[in-house]
Structure formats: C-alpha cells, structure tokens
C-alpha cells in the first residue's frame, strides 16, 4: 500500500514542528518572582520579533510539508 506522504514530507513536517517548538521556547521567560515589580525583559526583541517569526516559519514549513509533491521521472509518468 502506497502512503500519501513520502519520507521527505515527514522531514519537512517535523522540521516545521521543531521550528514552532523553538519559537515558543524563545517566547518563554521574562516573568518576575514578585508580581509587584515590573520586568522590562518581556519587551526584548527576542520575544517580540524573533520568536513569532520563527513560529510563522514553522507553520509555513508544515504547510509545505503537507503540500510537497516529489517530482516524477519521465519514465514513471508514461
């Protein structure tokens, strides 16, 4: 039985998933032990810019992994 996805599709899907996890890990932190003290670390470029871009790239990677079709040779398409 032939699978809908190839090995390359699964690699792209797992790469996208890893990027999403990395993006959420980059967003973590910046809290304060004392809730009455403001910590400006929550507004770092890492949490405001880099992490969301990494997450979006991960979602794009998953979409590409689902939509990817391997190229077929001339001989197999006849």
Protein backbone atom coordinates (compact mmCIF):
# COMPACT_ATOMS: atom_id res chain seq x y z
CA UNK A 1 0.00 0.00 0.00
CA UNK A 2 1.39 3.38 -1.02
CA UNK A 3 1.41 6.19 1.52
CA UNK A 4 0.13 9.65 0.66
CA UNK A 5 3.25 11.29 2.07
CA UNK A 6 6.84 10.47 1.22
CA UNK A 7 9.79 10.45 3.57
CA UNK A 8 10.65 13.99 2.52
CA UNK A 9 7.16 15.19 3.51
CA UNK A 10 7.64 13.83 7.01
CA UNK A 11 11.05 15.50 7.31
CA UNK A 12 9.57 18.86 6.28
CA UNK A 13 6.68 18.38 8.69
CA UNK A 14 8.99 17.53 11.60
CA UNK A 15 11.27 20.46 10.74
CA UNK A 16 8.29 22.82 10.84
CA UNK A 17 7.16 21.34 14.14
CA UNK A 18 10.66 21.82 15.58
CA UNK A 19 10.62 25.47 14.49
CA UNK A 20 7.28 26.03 16.21
CA UNK A 21 8.57 24.50 19.43
CA UNK A 22 11.74 26.62 19.18
CA UNK A 23 9.64 29.75 18.64
CA UNK A 24 7.56 29.08 21.73
CA UNK A 25 10.69 28.35 23.76
CA UNK A 26 12.09 31.71 22.65
CA UNK A 27 8.90 33.40 23.87
CA UNK A 28 9.19 31.93 27.36
CA UNK A 29 10.55 33.81 30.33
CA UNK A 30 10.64 37.43 31.25
CA UNK A 31 8.49 36.96 34.29
CA UNK A 32 9.18 38.26 37.74
CA UNK A 33 9.19 36.44 41.08
CA UNK A 34 7.44 39.40 42.66
CA UNK A 35 4.20 40.38 40.86
CA UNK A 36 4.54 43.98 42.13
CA UNK A 37 7.86 44.50 40.30
CA UNK A 38 7.82 45.25 36.56
CA UNK A 39 10.37 43.36 34.48
CA UNK A 40 11.12 45.07 31.12
CA UNK A 41 12.62 41.82 29.77
CA UNK A 42 9.19 40.89 28.39
CA UNK A 43 9.69 43.50 25.68
CA UNK A 44 13.01 42.15 24.33
CA UNK A 45 13.42 41.80 20.57
CA UNK A 46 13.71 38.04 21.07
CA UNK A 47 10.16 37.77 22.45
CA UNK A 48 8.52 40.47 20.35
CA UNK A 49 10.10 39.89 16.92
CA UNK A 50 12.29 36.82 16.57
CA UNK A 51 10.09 34.22 18.29
CA UNK A 52 6.89 35.00 16.33
CA UNK A 53 8.83 34.96 13.04
CA UNK A 54 10.29 31.55 13.92
CA UNK A 55 6.79 30.26 14.76
CA UNK A 56 5.37 31.54 11.46
CA UNK A 57 8.25 29.90 9.57
CA UNK A 58 7.41 26.67 11.36
CA UNK A 59 3.76 26.88 10.30
CA UNK A 60 4.87 27.59 6.72
CA UNK A 61 7.19 24.57 6.92
CA UNK A 62 4.29 22.36 7.99
CA UNK A 63 2.14 23.63 5.11
CA UNK A 64 4.98 22.98 2.66
CA UNK A 65 5.44 19.52 4.16
CA UNK A 66 1.79 18.72 3.56
CA UNK A 67 1.65 20.18 0.04
CA UNK A 68 5.05 18.93 -1.20
CA UNK A 69 4.95 16.55 -4.13
CA UNK A 70 8.08 14.72 -5.24
CA UNK A 71 8.99 15.21 -8.88
CA UNK A 72 8.18 12.24 -11.07
CA UNK A 73 10.56 10.94 -13.71
CA UNK A 74 9.59 10.90 -17.38
CA UNK A 75 9.64 7.08 -17.40
CA UNK A 76 7.27 6.64 -14.45
CA UNK A 77 4.69 9.13 -15.76
CA UNK A 78 4.15 7.24 -19.05
